[in-house]
Amino acid sequence: DEKGRLDIVVANAGIARYAALGTIDEEHFDAIF
């Protein structure tokens, strides 16, 4: 509505969390993916 087009898209949004194998739960996996 405001500009009518895009010339460049930078898909930058992301999150990072640590979890060692053996401690990974479903919420951790789903949130990051």
PDB file of all heavy atoms in Angstrom:
ATOM      1  N   ASP A   1       0.812  -1.208   0.000  1.00  0.00           N
ATOM      2  CA  ASP A   1       0.000   0.000   0.000  1.00  0.00           C
ATOM      3  C   ASP A   1       0.853   1.270   0.000  1.00  0.00           C
ATOM      4  O   ASP A   1       0.498   2.271  -0.628  1.00  0.00           O
ATOM      5  CB  ASP A   1      -0.932   0.015   1.217  1.00  0.00           C
ATOM      6  CG  ASP A   1      -2.020  -1.041   1.143  1.00  0.00           C
ATOM      7  OD1 ASP A   1      -2.242  -1.590   0.041  1.00  0.00           O
ATOM      8  OD2 ASP A   1      -2.635  -1.331   2.195  1.00  0.00           O
ATOM      9  N   GLU A   2       1.998   1.235   0.708  1.00  0.00           N
ATOM     10  CA  GLU A   2       2.809   2.435   0.845  1.00  0.00           C
ATOM     11  C   GLU A   2       3.807   2.634  -0.289  1.00  0.00           C
ATOM     12  O   GLU A   2       4.066   3.768  -0.708  1.00  0.00           O
ATOM     13  CB  GLU A   2       3.552   2.415   2.181  1.00  0.00           C
ATOM     14  CG  GLU A   2       2.646   2.547   3.398  1.00  0.00           C
ATOM     15  CD  GLU A   2       3.403   2.702   4.694  1.00  0.00           C
ATOM     16  OE1 GLU A   2       4.649   2.905   4.648  1.00  0.00           O
ATOM     17  OE2 GLU A   2       2.782   2.622   5.764  1.00  0.00           O
ATOM     18  N   LYS A   3       4.395   1.538  -0.783  1.00  0.00           N
ATOM     19  CA  LYS A   3       5.469   1.670  -1.780  1.00  0.00           C
ATOM     20  C   LYS A   3       5.213   0.881  -3.071  1.00  0.00           C
ATOM     21  O   LYS A   3       5.823   1.184  -4.096  1.00  0.00           O
ATOM     22  CB  LYS A   3       6.803   1.232  -1.179  1.00  0.00           C
ATOM     23  CG  LYS A   3       7.285   2.117  -0.031  1.00  0.00           C
ATOM     24  CD  LYS A   3       7.611   3.521  -0.519  1.00  0.00           C
ATOM     25  CE  LYS A   3       8.145   4.390   0.604  1.00  0.00           C
ATOM     26  NZ  LYS A   3       8.466   5.770   0.149  1.00  0.00           N
ATOM     27  N   GLY A   4       4.394  -0.151  -2.994  1.00  0.00           N
ATOM     28  CA  GLY A   4       4.040  -0.881  -4.208  1.00  0.00           C
ATOM     29  C   GLY A   4       5.021  -1.931  -4.671  1.00  0.00           C
ATOM     30  O   GLY A   4       4.705  -2.727  -5.564  1.00  0.00           O
ATOM     31  N   ARG A   5       6.210  -1.961  -4.078  1.00  0.00           N
ATOM     32  CA  ARG A   5       7.206  -2.948  -4.500  1.00  0.00           C
ATOM     33  C   ARG A   5       8.280  -3.088  -3.434  1.00  0.00           C
ATOM     34  O   ARG A   5       8.362  -2.279  -2.496  1.00  0.00           O
ATOM     35  CB  ARG A   5       7.861  -2.538  -5.816  1.00  0.00           C
ATOM     36  CG  ARG A   5       8.874  -1.413  -5.691  1.00  0.00           C
ATOM     37  CD  ARG A   5       9.629  -1.134  -6.974  1.00  0.00           C
ATOM     38  NE  ARG A   5      10.871  -0.453  -6.738  1.00  0.00           N
ATOM     39  CZ  ARG A   5      11.002   0.862  -6.535  1.00  0.00           C
ATOM     40  NH1 ARG A   5       9.936   1.635  -6.539  1.00  0.00           N
ATOM     41  NH2 ARG A   5      12.200   1.383  -6.327  1.00  0.00           N
ATOM     42  N   LEU A   6       9.118  -4.101  -3.600  1.00  0.00           N
ATOM     43  CA  LEU A   6      10.327  -4.293  -2.812  1.00  0.00           C
ATOM     44  C   LEU A   6      11.453  -4.665  -3.765  1.00  0.00           C
ATOM     45  O   LEU A   6      11.275  -5.521  -4.633  1.00  0.00           O
ATOM     46  CB  LEU A   6      10.150  -5.423  -1.797  1.00  0.00           C
ATOM     47  CG  LEU A   6       9.542  -5.110  -0.443  1.00  0.00           C
ATOM     48  CD1 LEU A   6       9.324  -6.413   0.328  1.00  0.00           C
ATOM     49  CD2 LEU A   6      10.428  -4.166   0.365  1.00  0.00           C
ATOM     50  N   ASP A   7      12.609  -4.057  -3.592  1.00  0.00           N
ATOM     51  CA  ASP A   7      13.772  -4.404  -4.415  1.00  0.00           C
ATOM     52  C   ASP A   7      14.744  -5.325  -3.691  1.00  0.00           C
ATOM     53  O   ASP A   7      15.505  -6.052  -4.325  1.00  0.00           O
ATOM     54  CB  ASP A   7      14.522  -3.129  -4.821  1.00  0.00           C
ATOM     55  CG  ASP A   7      13.635  -2.160  -5.563  1.00  0.00           C
ATOM     56  OD1 ASP A   7      13.195  -2.501  -6.676  1.00  0.00           O
ATOM     57  OD2 ASP A   7      13.361  -1.078  -5.016  1.00  0.00           O
ATOM     58  N   ILE A   8      14.720  -5.265  -2.356  1.00  0.00           N
ATOM     59  CA  ILE A   8      15.675  -6.009  -1.533  1.00  0.00           C
ATOM     60  C   ILE A   8      14.934  -6.593  -0.338  1.00  0.00           C
ATOM     61  O   ILE A   8      14.182  -5.891   0.335  1.00  0.00           O
ATOM     62  CB  ILE A   8      16.799  -5.090  -1.011  1.00  0.00           C
ATOM     63  CG1 ILE A   8      17.526  -4.382  -2.157  1.00  0.00           C
ATOM     64  CG2 ILE A   8      17.778  -5.867  -0.137  1.00  0.00           C
ATOM     65  CD1 ILE A   8      18.252  -3.118  -1.720  1.00  0.00           C
ATOM     66  N   VAL A   9      15.152  -7.876  -0.073  1.00  0.00           N
ATOM     67  CA  VAL A   9      14.638  -8.513   1.135  1.00  0.00           C
ATOM     68  C   VAL A   9      15.815  -9.088   1.910  1.00  0.00           C
ATOM     69  O   VAL A   9      16.601  -9.873   1.354  1.00  0.00           O
ATOM     70  CB  VAL A   9      13.626  -9.630   0.811  1.00  0.00           C
ATOM     71  CG1 VAL A   9      13.227 -10.383   2.084  1.00  0.00           C
ATOM     72  CG2 VAL A   9      12.390  -9.050   0.123  1.00  0.00           C
ATOM     73  N   VAL A  10      15.937  -8.699   3.157  1.00  0.00           N
ATOM     74  CA  VAL A  10      16.949  -9.277   4.044  1.00  0.00           C
ATOM     75  C   VAL A  10      16.204 -10.033   5.138  1.00  0.00           C
ATOM     76  O   VAL A  10      15.631  -9.435   6.053  1.00  0.00           O
ATOM     77  CB  VAL A  10      17.852  -8.192   4.658  1.00  0.00           C
ATOM     78  CG1 VAL A  10      18.932  -8.847   5.531  1.00  0.00           C
ATOM     79  CG2 VAL A  10      18.489  -7.333   3.575  1.00  0.00           C
ATOM     80  N   ALA A  11      16.190 -11.350   5.027  1.00  0.00           N
ATOM     81  CA  ALA A  11      15.514 -12.203   6.015  1.00  0.00           C
ATOM     82  C   ALA A  11      16.497 -12.460   7.149  1.00  0.00           C
ATOM     83  O   ALA A  11      17.249 -13.449   7.145  1.00  0.00           O
ATOM     84  CB  ALA A  11      15.053 -13.505   5.371  1.00  0.00           C
ATOM     85  N   ASN A  12      16.486 -11.546   8.095  1.00  0.00           N
ATOM     86  CA  ASN A  12      17.485 -11.525   9.160  1.00  0.00           C
ATOM     87  C   ASN A  12      16.951 -12.023  10.496  1.00  0.00           C
ATOM     88  O   ASN A  12      17.720 -12.498  11.334  1.00  0.00           O
ATOM     89  CB  ASN A  12      18.001 -10.087   9.322  1.00  0.00           C
ATOM     90  CG  ASN A  12      18.783  -9.882  10.596  1.00  0.00           C
ATOM     91  OD1 ASN A  12      19.921 -10.306  10.736  1.00  0.00           O
ATOM     92  ND2 ASN A  12      18.158  -9.203  11.567  1.00  0.00           N
ATOM     93  N   ALA A  13      15.642 -11.929  10.732  1.00  0.00           N
ATOM     94  CA  ALA A  13      15.082 -12.267  12.043  1.00  0.00           C
ATOM     95  C   ALA A  13      15.420 -13.702  12.429  1.00  0.00           C
ATOM     96  O   ALA A  13      15.262 -14.633  11.633  1.00  0.00           O
ATOM     97  CB  ALA A  13      13.564 -12.077  12.029  1.00  0.00           C
ATOM     98  N   GLY A  14      15.887 -13.872  13.646  1.00  0.00           N
ATOM     99  CA  GLY A  14      16.234 -15.208  14.112  1.00  0.00           C
ATOM    100  C   GLY A  14      16.495 -15.205  15.600  1.00  0.00           C
ATOM    101  O   GLY A  14      16.713 -14.156  16.206  1.00  0.00           O
ATOM    102  N   ILE A  15      16.477 -16.393  16.185  1.00  0.00           N
ATOM    103  CA  ILE A  15      16.806 -16.543  17.593  1.00  0.00           C
ATOM    104  C   ILE A  15      17.843 -17.639  17.749  1.00  0.00           C
ATOM    105  O   ILE A  15      17.947 -18.551  16.919  1.00  0.00           O
ATOM    106  CB  ILE A  15      15.564 -16.865  18.456  1.00  0.00           C
ATOM    107  CG1 ILE A  15      14.894 -18.170  17.992  1.00  0.00           C
ATOM    108  CG2 ILE A  15      14.573 -15.711  18.429  1.00  0.00           C
ATOM    109  CD1 ILE A  15      13.755 -18.607  18.900  1.00  0.00           C
ATOM    110  N   ALA A  16      18.627 -17.531  18.823  1.00  0.00           N
ATOM    111  CA  ALA A  16      19.658 -18.530  19.126  1.00  0.00           C
ATOM    112  C   ALA A  16      19.536 -18.933  20.579  1.00  0.00           C
ATOM    113  O   ALA A  16      19.389 -18.081  21.462  1.00  0.00           O
ATOM    114  CB  ALA A  16      21.043 -17.958  18.851  1.00  0.00           C
ATOM    115  N   ARG A  17      19.588 -20.227  20.814  1.00  0.00           N
ATOM    116  CA  ARG A  17      19.594 -20.758  22.176  1.00  0.00           C
ATOM    117  C   ARG A  17      20.511 -21.977  22.210  1.00  0.00           C
ATOM    118  O   ARG A  17      20.585 -22.721  21.242  1.00  0.00           O
ATOM    119  CB  ARG A  17      18.188 -21.180  22.617  1.00  0.00           C
ATOM    120  CG  ARG A  17      17.175 -20.059  22.718  1.00  0.00           C
ATOM    121  CD  ARG A  17      15.823 -20.611  23.143  1.00  0.00           C
ATOM    122  NE  ARG A  17      14.768 -19.614  23.099  1.00  0.00           N
ATOM    123  CZ  ARG A  17      13.476 -19.899  23.292  1.00  0.00           C
ATOM    124  NH1 ARG A  17      13.104 -21.150  23.550  1.00  0.00           N
ATOM    125  NH2 ARG A  17      12.580 -18.944  23.221  1.00  0.00           N
ATOM    126  N   TYR A  18      21.157 -22.163  23.345  1.00  0.00           N
ATOM    127  CA  TYR A  18      22.001 -23.335  23.537  1.00  0.00           C
ATOM    128  C   TYR A  18      21.219 -24.465  24.194  1.00  0.00           C
ATOM    129  O   TYR A  18      20.386 -24.227  25.078  1.00  0.00           O
ATOM    130  CB  TYR A  18      23.185 -23.005  24.445  1.00  0.00           C
ATOM    131  CG  TYR A  18      24.255 -22.146  23.831  1.00  0.00           C
ATOM    132  CD1 TYR A  18      24.865 -21.140  24.566  1.00  0.00           C
ATOM    133  CD2 TYR A  18      24.674 -22.358  22.522  1.00  0.00           C
ATOM    134  CE1 TYR A  18      25.870 -20.351  24.018  1.00  0.00           C
ATOM    135  CE2 TYR A  18      25.670 -21.583  21.962  1.00  0.00           C
ATOM    136  CZ  TYR A  18      26.268 -20.579  22.706  1.00  0.00           C
ATOM    137  OH  TYR A  18      27.248 -19.803  22.170  1.00  0.00           O
ATOM    138  N   ALA A  19      21.490 -25.692  23.788  1.00  0.00           N
ATOM    139  CA  ALA A  19      21.006 -26.893  24.487  1.00  0.00           C
ATOM    140  C   ALA A  19      21.821 -28.079  24.000  1.00  0.00           C
ATOM    141  O   ALA A  19      21.902 -28.344  22.792  1.00  0.00           O
ATOM    142  CB  ALA A  19      19.514 -27.127  24.228  1.00  0.00           C
ATOM    143  N   ALA A  20      22.428 -28.784  24.922  1.00  0.00           N
ATOM    144  CA  ALA A  20      23.214 -29.957  24.559  1.00  0.00           C
ATOM    145  C   ALA A  20      22.304 -31.125  24.198  1.00  0.00           C
ATOM    146  O   ALA A  20      21.177 -31.234  24.705  1.00  0.00           O
ATOM    147  CB  ALA A  20      24.118 -30.348  25.727  1.00  0.00           C
ATOM    148  N   LEU A  21      22.771 -31.976  23.312  1.00  0.00           N
ATOM    149  CA  LEU A  21      22.024 -33.177  22.972  1.00  0.00           C
ATOM    150  C   LEU A  21      21.785 -33.995  24.238  1.00  0.00           C
ATOM    151  O   LEU A  21      22.705 -34.243  25.019  1.00  0.00           O
ATOM    152  CB  LEU A  21      22.813 -34.008  21.957  1.00  0.00           C
ATOM    153  CG  LEU A  21      22.087 -35.228  21.393  1.00  0.00           C
ATOM    154  CD1 LEU A  21      20.839 -34.819  20.615  1.00  0.00           C
ATOM    155  CD2 LEU A  21      23.030 -36.037  20.501  1.00  0.00           C
ATOM    156  N   GLY A  22      20.548 -34.390  24.434  1.00  0.00           N
ATOM    157  CA  GLY A  22      20.149 -35.059  25.659  1.00  0.00           C
ATOM    158  C   GLY A  22      19.319 -34.167  26.558  1.00  0.00           C
ATOM    159  O   GLY A  22      18.634 -34.661  27.461  1.00  0.00           O
ATOM    160  N   THR A  23      19.372 -32.850  26.301  1.00  0.00           N
ATOM    161  CA  THR A  23      18.595 -31.895  27.102  1.00  0.00           C
ATOM    162  C   THR A  23      17.586 -31.123  26.248  1.00  0.00           C
ATOM    163  O   THR A  23      16.863 -30.277  26.776  1.00  0.00           O
ATOM    164  CB  THR A  23      19.510 -30.877  27.798  1.00  0.00           C
ATOM    165  OG1 THR A  23      20.107 -30.019  26.824  1.00  0.00           O
ATOM    166  CG2 THR A  23      20.593 -31.589  28.602  1.00  0.00           C
ATOM    167  N   ILE A  24      17.545 -31.385  24.946  1.00  0.00           N
ATOM    168  CA  ILE A  24      16.677 -30.632  24.033  1.00  0.00           C
ATOM    169  C   ILE A  24      15.226 -31.054  24.237  1.00  0.00           C
ATOM    170  O   ILE A  24      14.918 -32.247  24.255  1.00  0.00           O
ATOM    171  CB  ILE A  24      17.093 -30.875  22.570  1.00  0.00           C
ATOM    172  CG1 ILE A  24      18.523 -30.380  22.339  1.00  0.00           C
ATOM    173  CG2 ILE A  24      16.118 -30.205  21.595  1.00  0.00           C
ATOM    174  CD1 ILE A  24      19.150 -30.879  21.062  1.00  0.00           C
ATOM    175  N   ASP A  25      14.337 -30.080  24.408  1.00  0.00           N
ATOM    176  CA  ASP A  25      12.915 -30.397  24.520  1.00  0.00           C
ATOM    177  C   ASP A  25      12.159 -29.840  23.313  1.00  0.00           C
ATOM    178  O   ASP A  25      12.712 -29.129  22.464  1.00  0.00           O
ATOM    179  CB  ASP A  25      12.316 -29.888  25.831  1.00  0.00           C
ATOM    180  CG  ASP A  25      12.436 -28.381  26.017  1.00  0.00           C
ATOM    181  OD1 ASP A  25      12.580 -27.656  25.007  1.00  0.00           O
ATOM    182  OD2 ASP A  25      12.379 -27.928  27.170  1.00  0.00           O
ATOM    183  N   GLU A  26      10.883 -30.163  23.230  1.00  0.00           N
ATOM    184  CA  GLU A  26      10.082 -29.790  22.067  1.00  0.00           C
ATOM    185  C   GLU A  26       9.944 -28.279  21.934  1.00  0.00           C
ATOM    186  O   GLU A  26       9.982 -27.733  20.827  1.00  0.00           O
ATOM    187  CB  GLU A  26       8.704 -30.439  22.153  1.00  0.00           C
ATOM    188  CG  GLU A  26       7.856 -30.233  20.902  1.00  0.00           C
ATOM    189  CD  GLU A  26       6.539 -30.995  20.973  1.00  0.00           C
ATOM    190  OE1 GLU A  26       6.135 -31.377  22.087  1.00  0.00           O
ATOM    191  OE2 GLU A  26       5.919 -31.195  19.912  1.00  0.00           O
ATOM    192  N   GLU A  27       9.803 -27.586  23.052  1.00  0.00           N
ATOM    193  CA  GLU A  27       9.658 -26.134  22.994  1.00  0.00           C
ATOM    194  C   GLU A  27      10.906 -25.486  22.418  1.00  0.00           C
ATOM    195  O   GLU A  27      10.808 -24.552  21.592  1.00  0.00           O
ATOM    196  CB  GLU A  27       9.393 -25.594  24.407  1.00  0.00           C
ATOM    197  CG  GLU A  27       9.040 -24.102  24.447  1.00  0.00           C
ATOM    198  CD  GLU A  27      10.244 -23.173  24.397  1.00  0.00           C
ATOM    199  OE1 GLU A  27      11.332 -23.604  24.863  1.00  0.00           O
ATOM    200  OE2 GLU A  27      10.110 -22.038  23.882  1.00  0.00           O
ATOM    201  N   HIS A  28      12.071 -25.960  22.808  1.00  0.00           N
ATOM    202  CA  HIS A  28      13.335 -25.448  22.286  1.00  0.00           C
ATOM    203  C   HIS A  28      13.390 -25.638  20.767  1.00  0.00           C
ATOM    204  O   HIS A  28      13.691 -24.696  20.017  1.00  0.00           O
ATOM    205  CB  HIS A  28      14.492 -26.190  22.965  1.00  0.00           C
ATOM    206  CG  HIS A  28      15.851 -25.847  22.439  1.00  0.00           C
ATOM    207  ND1 HIS A  28      16.618 -24.833  22.958  1.00  0.00           N
ATOM    208  CD2 HIS A  28      16.594 -26.412  21.441  1.00  0.00           C
ATOM    209  CE1 HIS A  28      17.776 -24.773  22.307  1.00  0.00           C
ATOM    210  NE2 HIS A  28      17.771 -25.723  21.377  1.00  0.00           N
ATOM    211  N   PHE A  29      13.081 -26.847  20.329  1.00  0.00           N
ATOM    212  CA  PHE A  29      13.121 -27.153  18.894  1.00  0.00           C
ATOM    213  C   PHE A  29      12.136 -26.295  18.120  1.00  0.00           C
ATOM    214  O   PHE A  29      12.475 -25.657  17.118  1.00  0.00           O
ATOM    215  CB  PHE A  29      12.810 -28.641  18.682  1.00  0.00           C
ATOM    216  CG  PHE A  29      12.829 -29.058  17.237  1.00  0.00           C
ATOM    217  CD1 PHE A  29      13.978 -29.556  16.658  1.00  0.00           C
ATOM    218  CD2 PHE A  29      11.687 -28.950  16.448  1.00  0.00           C
ATOM    219  CE1 PHE A  29      13.995 -29.938  15.320  1.00  0.00           C
ATOM    220  CE2 PHE A  29      11.691 -29.326  15.116  1.00  0.00           C
ATOM    221  CZ  PHE A  29      12.856 -29.822  14.553  1.00  0.00           C
ATOM    222  N   ASP A  30      10.885 -26.251  18.564  1.00  0.00           N
ATOM    223  CA  ASP A  30       9.838 -25.543  17.825  1.00  0.00           C
ATOM    224  C   ASP A  30      10.111 -24.047  17.764  1.00  0.00           C
ATOM    225  O   ASP A  30       9.904 -23.413  16.713  1.00  0.00           O
ATOM    226  CB  ASP A  30       8.471 -25.797  18.464  1.00  0.00           C
ATOM    227  CG  ASP A  30       7.953 -27.210  18.210  1.00  0.00           C
ATOM    228  OD1 ASP A  30       8.508 -27.899  17.335  1.00  0.00           O
ATOM    229  OD2 ASP A  30       6.992 -27.608  18.896  1.00  0.00           O
ATOM    230  N   ALA A  31      10.561 -23.465  18.862  1.00  0.00           N
ATOM    231  CA  ALA A  31      10.790 -22.023  18.892  1.00  0.00           C
ATOM    232  C   ALA A  31      11.848 -21.611  17.881  1.00  0.00           C
ATOM    233  O   ALA A  31      11.680 -20.633  17.138  1.00  0.00           O
ATOM    234  CB  ALA A  31      11.193 -21.577  20.292  1.00  0.00           C
ATOM    235  N   ILE A  32      12.950 -22.366  17.834  1.00  0.00           N
ATOM    236  CA  ILE A  32      14.051 -21.989  16.942  1.00  0.00           C
ATOM    237  C   ILE A  32      13.703 -22.275  15.490  1.00  0.00           C
ATOM    238  O   ILE A  32      13.937 -21.438  14.604  1.00  0.00           O
ATOM    239  CB  ILE A  32      15.352 -22.698  17.366  1.00  0.00           C
ATOM    240  CG1 ILE A  32      15.732 -22.285  18.791  1.00  0.00           C
ATOM    241  CG2 ILE A  32      16.487 -22.346  16.410  1.00  0.00           C
ATOM    242  CD1 ILE A  32      16.940 -22.999  19.336  1.00  0.00           C
ATOM    243  N   PHE A  33      13.114 -23.421  15.208  1.00  0.00           N
ATOM    244  CA  PHE A  33      12.751 -23.723  13.826  1.00  0.00           C
ATOM    245  C   PHE A  33      11.628 -22.815  13.323  1.00  0.00           C
ATOM    246  O   PHE A  33      11.629 -22.399  12.164  1.00  0.00           O
ATOM    247  CB  PHE A  33      12.365 -25.197  13.673  1.00  0.00           C
ATOM    248  CG  PHE A  33      13.505 -26.046  13.182  1.00  0.00           C
ATOM    249  CD1 PHE A  33      14.436 -26.559  14.070  1.00  0.00           C
ATOM    250  CD2 PHE A  33      13.667 -26.320  11.833  1.00  0.00           C
ATOM    251  CE1 PHE A  33      15.504 -27.328  13.632  1.00  0.00           C
ATOM    252  CE2 PHE A  33      14.735 -27.076  11.376  1.00  0.00           C
ATOM    253  CZ  PHE A  33      15.652 -27.592  12.272  1.00  0.00           C
TER     254      PHE A  33
END
